[in-house]
């Protein structure tokens, strides 16, 4: 393997091995020695490509999720730039950065015609709610055309769908969520893909409940009930609980749903996550206004 990439690849492998609770001896069983792997992870030795691929096969992840995880070690990918934009607290600085990134993606699409640059631009517009550029309909058409032509949803498509469920028609969202779930092999545990799926489901629920389409919301909750939420994905667990409270309130269980919602908001404040407390309280108030319970 190339010497210039050795420390980075070794560091990456160690990170993934520990994330999957594998010891050195477990990872190297009948492949190489634990001592060799330890030196490789620290960048002190090289190993053959064939040995590395065998070590990669030990990890209970798909190749695409490992590739996505490897890309996070670099700071110049589109996803990393999106994450950086989200981290900017100064709104003026964030807006300037977003518009520069958007212009770059649009220019690359004009130069190359590659659909990914156009989709990246759409992703930016919707995720950061950049106004005055394209309407939801103008974005939804090309996105649906692209997704319909994909046989297997990789992590790129799942990340795109995580955002686009906010602007796609509700019926299309249901079909795409179902496709995502059916496309997911359940013979292994893929943490990154699972997290994407839960974000898609919860973002879709957020959108259809805001549209007051509770028939679609019921269908999405039925899909969700067949999936296991990872124990460490607290966000997905809380979102599912909150969406169920919204649905219960809509169907007339006002007293219990209101009581449990208040307990949820208080609990989030108590454990020190006021952002989520405010986020869910705002969503709850909007629900009450739509239901005619508040002005």
Protein backbone atom coordinates (compact mmCIF):
# COMPACT_ATOMS: atom_id res chain seq x y z
CA UNK A 1 0.00 0.00 0.00
CA UNK A 2 1.21 3.57 -0.70
CA UNK A 3 3.46 4.91 2.06
CA UNK A 4 1.99 8.42 1.85
CA UNK A 5 -1.50 7.14 2.78
CA UNK A 6 -0.36 4.62 5.37
CA UNK A 7 -0.85 6.62 8.62
CA UNK A 8 -4.25 7.91 7.50
CA UNK A 9 -5.54 4.48 6.45
CA UNK A 10 -4.19 2.83 9.57
CA UNK A 11 -5.78 5.48 11.77
CA UNK A 12 -9.06 5.05 9.88
CA UNK A 13 -9.01 1.27 10.36
CA UNK A 14 -8.35 1.60 14.09
CA UNK A 15 -11.25 4.04 14.44
CA UNK A 16 -13.66 1.67 12.67
CA UNK A 17 -12.39 -1.38 14.57
CA UNK A 18 -12.93 0.29 17.94
CA UNK A 19 -16.34 1.63 16.87
CA UNK A 20 -17.37 -1.98 16.25
CA UNK A 21 -15.92 -3.21 19.56
CA UNK A 22 -13.35 -5.47 17.90
CA UNK A 23 -10.08 -6.27 19.66
CA UNK A 24 -6.83 -6.60 17.73
CA UNK A 25 -6.96 -10.39 18.03
CA UNK A 26 -10.59 -10.54 16.87
CA UNK A 27 -9.87 -8.40 13.82
CA UNK A 28 -6.75 -10.34 12.80
CA UNK A 29 -7.95 -13.91 13.34
CA UNK A 30 -6.40 -16.11 10.60
CA UNK A 31 -5.38 -12.98 8.62
CA UNK A 32 -2.26 -11.53 10.25
CA UNK A 33 -0.89 -10.95 13.75
CA UNK A 34 -2.29 -8.53 16.31
CA UNK A 35 1.15 -6.94 16.59
CA UNK A 36 1.29 -6.30 12.83
CA UNK A 37 -2.14 -4.70 12.83
CA UNK A 38 -1.22 -2.54 15.81
CA UNK A 39 1.88 -1.24 14.00
CA UNK A 40 -0.16 -0.69 10.81
CA UNK A 41 -2.77 1.34 12.72
CA UNK A 42 0.00 3.57 14.11
CA UNK A 43 1.61 4.03 10.69
CA UNK A 44 4.74 2.09 11.65
CA UNK A 45 4.50 -0.62 9.00
CA UNK A 46 2.89 -1.42 5.67
CA UNK A 47 0.70 -4.39 4.78
CA UNK A 48 -0.25 -5.97 1.47
CA UNK A 49 -3.44 -4.75 -0.20
CA UNK A 50 -4.84 -8.30 -0.08
CA UNK A 51 -4.32 -8.39 3.70
CA UNK A 52 -5.97 -4.98 4.09
CA UNK A 53 -9.06 -6.09 2.14
CA UNK A 54 -9.37 -9.16 4.35
CA UNK A 55 -9.16 -6.93 7.44
CA UNK A 56 -11.83 -4.64 5.97
CA UNK A 57 -14.11 -7.64 5.42
CA UNK A 58 -14.04 -8.31 9.17
CA UNK A 59 -15.81 -5.01 9.86
CA UNK A 60 -19.63 -5.39 9.94
CA UNK A 61 -20.19 -2.50 7.54
CA UNK A 62 -20.89 -2.12 3.86
CA UNK A 63 -18.08 -0.97 1.59
CA UNK A 64 -19.96 2.26 0.79
CA UNK A 65 -20.42 3.19 4.44
CA UNK A 66 -16.72 2.55 5.09
CA UNK A 67 -15.90 4.73 2.09
CA UNK A 68 -18.15 7.50 3.42
CA UNK A 69 -16.55 7.21 6.85
CA UNK A 70 -13.07 7.41 5.31
CA UNK A 71 -13.99 10.61 3.47
CA UNK A 72 -14.80 12.31 6.79
CA UNK A 73 -11.08 12.32 7.55
CA UNK A 74 -10.65 15.02 4.91
CA UNK A 75 -11.90 18.60 5.05
CA UNK A 76 -12.50 19.32 1.36
CA UNK A 77 -15.47 17.10 0.47
CA UNK A 78 -18.90 18.58 -0.21
CA UNK A 79 -20.36 16.88 2.87
CA UNK A 80 -17.60 18.31 5.05
CA UNK A 81 -18.26 21.76 3.64
CA UNK A 82 -21.96 21.36 4.40
CA UNK A 83 -21.10 20.40 7.97
CA UNK A 84 -18.78 23.39 8.27
CA UNK A 85 -21.54 25.72 7.05
CA UNK A 86 -23.93 24.33 9.66
CA UNK A 87 -21.34 24.97 12.38
CA UNK A 88 -21.02 28.70 11.61
CA UNK A 89 -22.80 30.72 14.28
CA UNK A 90 -22.40 34.12 12.65
CA UNK A 91 -25.32 34.32 10.18
CA UNK A 92 -23.60 36.83 7.90
CA UNK A 93 -20.55 34.61 7.64
CA UNK A 94 -22.72 31.53 7.12
CA UNK A 95 -24.79 33.16 4.36
CA UNK A 96 -21.64 34.29 2.52
CA UNK A 97 -20.11 30.82 2.79
CA UNK A 98 -23.32 29.12 1.61
CA UNK A 99 -23.78 31.40 -1.39
CA UNK A 100 -20.13 30.89 -2.39
CA UNK A 101 -20.49 27.10 -2.09
CA UNK A 102 -23.78 27.20 -4.00
CA UNK A 103 -22.27 29.27 -6.82
CA UNK A 104 -19.40 26.80 -7.08
CA UNK A 105 -21.75 23.80 -7.38
CA UNK A 106 -23.89 25.60 -9.99
CA UNK A 107 -20.79 26.58 -11.98
CA UNK A 108 -19.48 22.98 -11.93
CA UNK A 109 -22.87 21.75 -13.15
CA UNK A 110 -22.81 24.27 -16.02
CA UNK A 111 -19.25 23.24 -16.94
CA UNK A 112 -19.65 19.46 -16.70
CA UNK A 113 -23.37 18.68 -16.90
CA UNK A 114 -22.89 16.17 -14.07
CA UNK A 115 -26.17 15.75 -12.18
CA UNK A 116 -24.41 15.47 -8.80
CA UNK A 117 -23.43 19.14 -8.86
CA UNK A 118 -27.03 20.14 -9.52
CA UNK A 119 -28.26 17.84 -6.74
CA UNK A 120 -25.66 19.29 -4.37
CA UNK A 121 -26.98 22.77 -5.15
CA UNK A 122 -30.54 21.61 -4.43
CA UNK A 123 -29.36 20.04 -1.19
CA UNK A 124 -27.86 23.35 -0.06
CA UNK A 125 -30.95 25.38 -0.99
CA UNK A 126 -33.37 23.11 0.88
CA UNK A 127 -31.21 22.19 3.89
CA UNK A 128 -30.32 25.81 4.66
CA UNK A 129 -33.57 27.31 3.38
CA UNK A 130 -31.82 29.68 0.94
CA UNK A 131 -34.63 31.90 -0.42
CA UNK A 132 -35.35 33.34 -3.84
CA UNK A 133 -33.44 30.88 -6.03
CA UNK A 134 -35.68 27.93 -6.91
CA UNK A 135 -39.17 26.83 -5.90
CA UNK A 136 -39.92 23.48 -4.28
CA UNK A 137 -41.53 22.30 -7.54
CA UNK A 138 -38.46 23.25 -9.60
CA UNK A 139 -36.29 21.23 -7.23
CA UNK A 140 -38.63 18.25 -6.79
CA UNK A 141 -38.89 17.42 -10.51
CA UNK A 142 -35.19 16.72 -11.23
CA UNK A 143 -34.69 15.05 -7.84
CA UNK A 144 -37.56 12.62 -8.40
CA UNK A 145 -36.33 11.87 -11.93
CA UNK A 146 -32.86 11.09 -10.58
CA UNK A 147 -34.04 8.91 -7.68
CA UNK A 148 -36.45 6.94 -9.89
CA UNK A 149 -33.53 5.96 -12.12
CA UNK A 150 -31.45 4.58 -9.25
CA UNK A 151 -31.70 0.83 -8.62
CA UNK A 152 -29.86 0.88 -5.29
CA UNK A 153 -29.87 3.82 -2.89
CA UNK A 154 -26.31 4.39 -1.74
CA UNK A 155 -25.33 6.76 1.04
CA UNK A 156 -25.31 9.70 -1.36
CA UNK A 157 -28.95 9.09 -2.27
CA UNK A 158 -29.94 8.56 1.36
CA UNK A 159 -28.26 11.81 2.38
CA UNK A 160 -30.04 13.60 -0.47
CA UNK A 161 -33.39 12.09 0.49
CA UNK A 162 -32.87 13.11 4.13
CA UNK A 163 -33.19 16.72 2.96
CA UNK A 164 -35.51 16.37 -0.02
CA UNK A 165 -38.41 14.81 1.89
CA UNK A 166 -39.12 18.38 2.98
CA UNK A 167 -40.05 19.50 -0.56
CA UNK A 168 -41.20 16.34 -2.36
CA UNK A 169 -44.93 15.53 -2.67
CA UNK A 170 -46.18 13.45 0.29
CA UNK A 171 -47.15 10.43 -1.85
CA UNK A 172 -43.70 10.42 -3.47
CA UNK A 173 -42.10 10.61 -0.03
CA UNK A 174 -43.99 7.49 1.06
CA UNK A 175 -42.85 5.54 -1.99
CA UNK A 176 -39.23 6.63 -1.58
CA UNK A 177 -39.15 5.83 2.14
CA UNK A 178 -40.54 2.38 1.41
CA UNK A 179 -37.95 1.88 -1.32
CA UNK A 180 -35.19 2.90 1.08
CA UNK A 181 -36.34 0.36 3.63
CA UNK A 182 -36.78 -2.46 1.15
CA UNK A 183 -33.36 -1.67 -0.32
CA UNK A 184 -31.73 -2.09 3.09
CA UNK A 185 -30.25 -5.56 3.68
CA UNK A 186 -30.95 -6.60 7.27
CA UNK A 187 -28.33 -9.32 7.42
CA UNK A 188 -25.80 -7.00 9.05
CA UNK A 189 -25.75 -3.94 11.25
CA UNK A 190 -24.77 -0.83 9.31
CA UNK A 191 -24.84 2.06 11.75
CA UNK A 192 -24.34 4.88 9.27
CA UNK A 193 -27.05 3.64 6.90
CA UNK A 194 -29.42 3.05 9.82
CA UNK A 195 -28.93 6.64 10.96
CA UNK A 196 -29.72 7.93 7.49
CA UNK A 197 -32.89 5.84 7.35
CA UNK A 198 -34.11 7.17 10.68
CA UNK A 199 -33.39 10.75 9.64
CA UNK A 200 -35.33 10.19 6.43
CA UNK A 201 -38.31 8.74 8.31
CA UNK A 202 -38.35 11.44 10.96
CA UNK A 203 -37.86 14.30 8.50
CA UNK A 204 -40.62 12.83 6.34
CA UNK A 205 -42.94 12.61 9.36
CA UNK A 206 -42.14 16.19 10.25
CA UNK A 207 -43.09 17.30 6.73
CA UNK A 208 -46.33 15.32 6.33
CA UNK A 209 -47.58 16.24 9.83
CA UNK A 210 -47.00 19.89 8.99
CA UNK A 211 -49.03 19.30 5.81
CA UNK A 212 -51.72 17.66 8.02
CA UNK A 213 -51.53 14.49 5.97
CA UNK A 214 -52.08 12.03 8.80
CA UNK A 215 -52.91 9.15 6.46
CA UNK A 216 -49.34 9.32 5.17
CA UNK A 217 -48.07 9.87 8.73
CA UNK A 218 -49.77 6.64 9.84
CA UNK A 219 -48.19 4.80 6.94
CA UNK A 220 -44.72 6.11 7.78
CA UNK A 221 -45.14 5.16 11.44
CA UNK A 222 -46.11 1.66 10.32
CA UNK A 223 -42.86 1.46 8.33
CA UNK A 224 -40.93 2.72 11.36
CA UNK A 225 -42.50 0.15 13.68
CA UNK A 226 -40.75 -2.63 11.73
CA UNK A 227 -37.31 -1.14 12.33
CA UNK A 228 -35.08 -1.23 15.37
CA UNK A 229 -33.75 2.13 16.56
CA UNK A 230 -30.07 1.78 17.56
CA UNK A 231 -29.62 2.23 21.30
CA UNK A 232 -27.16 5.07 20.77
CA UNK A 233 -29.41 7.01 18.35
CA UNK A 234 -31.19 9.09 21.01
CA UNK A 235 -32.28 11.68 18.45
CA UNK A 236 -34.24 9.09 16.46
CA UNK A 237 -35.88 7.73 19.61
CA UNK A 238 -36.99 11.17 20.81
CA UNK A 239 -38.24 12.19 17.35
CA UNK A 240 -40.30 9.01 17.03
CA UNK A 241 -41.82 9.55 20.46
CA UNK A 242 -42.66 13.17 19.63
CA UNK A 243 -44.24 12.31 16.28
CA UNK A 244 -46.41 9.67 17.94
CA UNK A 245 -47.61 12.31 20.44
CA UNK A 246 -48.54 14.61 17.56
CA UNK A 247 -50.50 11.83 15.87
CA UNK A 248 -52.22 10.88 19.14
CA UNK A 249 -53.24 14.50 19.68
CA UNK A 250 -54.65 14.77 16.16
CA UNK A 251 -56.81 11.68 16.72
CA UNK A 252 -58.33 13.13 19.89
CA UNK A 253 -56.13 12.00 22.78
CA UNK A 254 -55.56 15.62 23.78
CA UNK A 255 -55.08 15.35 27.54
CA UNK A 256 -52.56 12.50 27.58
CA UNK A 257 -50.62 13.77 24.56
CA UNK A 258 -50.43 17.29 25.99
CA UNK A 259 -49.22 15.99 29.37
CA UNK A 260 -46.55 13.77 27.82
CA UNK A 261 -45.38 16.54 25.49
CA UNK A 262 -44.93 18.90 28.46
CA UNK A 263 -42.96 16.19 30.26
CA UNK A 264 -40.76 15.72 27.19
CA UNK A 265 -39.96 19.44 26.92
CA UNK A 266 -39.19 19.66 30.65
CA UNK A 267 -37.01 16.56 30.48
CA UNK A 268 -34.98 17.94 27.56
CA UNK A 269 -34.42 21.18 29.47
CA UNK A 270 -33.43 19.24 32.58
CA UNK A 271 -30.75 17.18 30.85
CA UNK A 272 -29.27 20.27 29.24
CA UNK A 273 -30.47 20.21 25.62
CA UNK A 274 -32.53 23.42 25.39
CA UNK A 275 -32.17 23.53 21.59
CA UNK A 276 -34.23 20.34 21.22
CA UNK A 277 -36.68 21.47 23.89
CA UNK A 278 -37.31 24.69 21.96
CA UNK A 279 -37.41 22.85 18.61
CA UNK A 280 -40.09 20.41 19.78
CA UNK A 281 -42.07 23.08 21.65
CA UNK A 282 -42.21 25.18 18.48
CA UNK A 283 -43.41 22.18 16.48
CA UNK A 284 -46.00 21.39 19.15
CA UNK A 285 -47.35 24.96 19.17
CA UNK A 286 -47.73 24.85 15.38
CA UNK A 287 -49.65 21.58 15.72
CA UNK A 288 -52.02 23.13 18.25
CA UNK A 289 -52.61 26.11 15.99
CA UNK A 290 -53.36 23.85 13.01
CA UNK A 291 -55.68 21.75 15.14
CA UNK A 292 -57.54 24.88 16.27
CA UNK A 293 -56.52 24.48 19.93
CA UNK A 294 -54.49 27.70 20.05
CA UNK A 295 -54.43 31.00 18.23
